[in-house]
Amino acid sequence: MDTEIESLERKRDKYRAIKQGMMQELLTGKTRLMGGEEGRTTD
């Protein structure tokens, strides 16, 4: 049970780090999201 909780906590931390990195890229303008069918573009 403890190992499962630790595993889930590691996954949660990993996804939080990914989300934080993605938000940072959006805020700095490194990554832009386009509306409609253009999809996502990266400069």
Protein backbone atom coordinates (compact mmCIF):
# COMPACT_ATOMS: atom_id res chain seq x y z
CA MET A 1 0.00 0.00 0.00
CA ASP A 2 2.79 2.45 0.90
CA THR A 3 4.68 1.69 -2.30
CA GLU A 4 1.56 2.32 -4.35
CA ILE A 5 1.03 5.68 -2.64
CA GLU A 6 4.66 6.63 -3.21
CA SER A 7 4.37 5.65 -6.85
CA LEU A 8 1.25 7.78 -7.29
CA GLU A 9 2.93 10.71 -5.53
CA ARG A 10 5.91 10.47 -7.90
CA LYS A 11 3.55 10.45 -10.89
CA ARG A 12 1.70 13.45 -9.47
CA ASP A 13 4.96 15.34 -8.97
CA LYS A 14 6.08 14.49 -12.50
CA TYR A 15 2.84 15.79 -14.02
CA ARG A 16 3.00 18.94 -11.90
CA ALA A 17 6.52 19.61 -13.17
CA ILE A 18 5.41 19.06 -16.77
CA LYS A 19 2.42 21.37 -16.28
CA GLN A 20 4.63 24.05 -14.71
CA GLY A 21 7.06 23.84 -17.62
CA MET A 22 4.26 24.09 -20.16
CA MET A 23 2.77 27.10 -18.40
CA GLN A 24 6.18 28.77 -18.31
CA GLU A 25 6.59 28.26 -22.06
CA LEU A 26 3.15 29.74 -22.69
CA LEU A 27 3.80 32.74 -20.46
CA THR A 28 7.18 33.51 -22.05
CA GLY A 29 5.77 33.15 -25.56
CA LYS A 30 8.07 30.27 -26.47
CA THR A 31 5.03 28.14 -27.31
CA ARG A 32 1.90 29.57 -28.90
CA LEU A 33 -1.53 28.01 -29.09
CA MET A 34 -3.55 28.76 -32.18
CA GLY A 35 -7.32 28.53 -32.38
CA GLY A 36 -9.21 26.52 -34.94
CA GLU A 37 -7.69 23.83 -37.11
CA GLU A 38 -4.16 25.22 -37.08
CA GLY A 39 -3.42 23.40 -33.85
CA ARG A 40 -0.31 23.98 -31.76
CA THR A 41 2.77 25.68 -33.14
CA THR A 42 6.22 25.88 -31.60
CA ASP A 43 8.72 28.54 -32.65
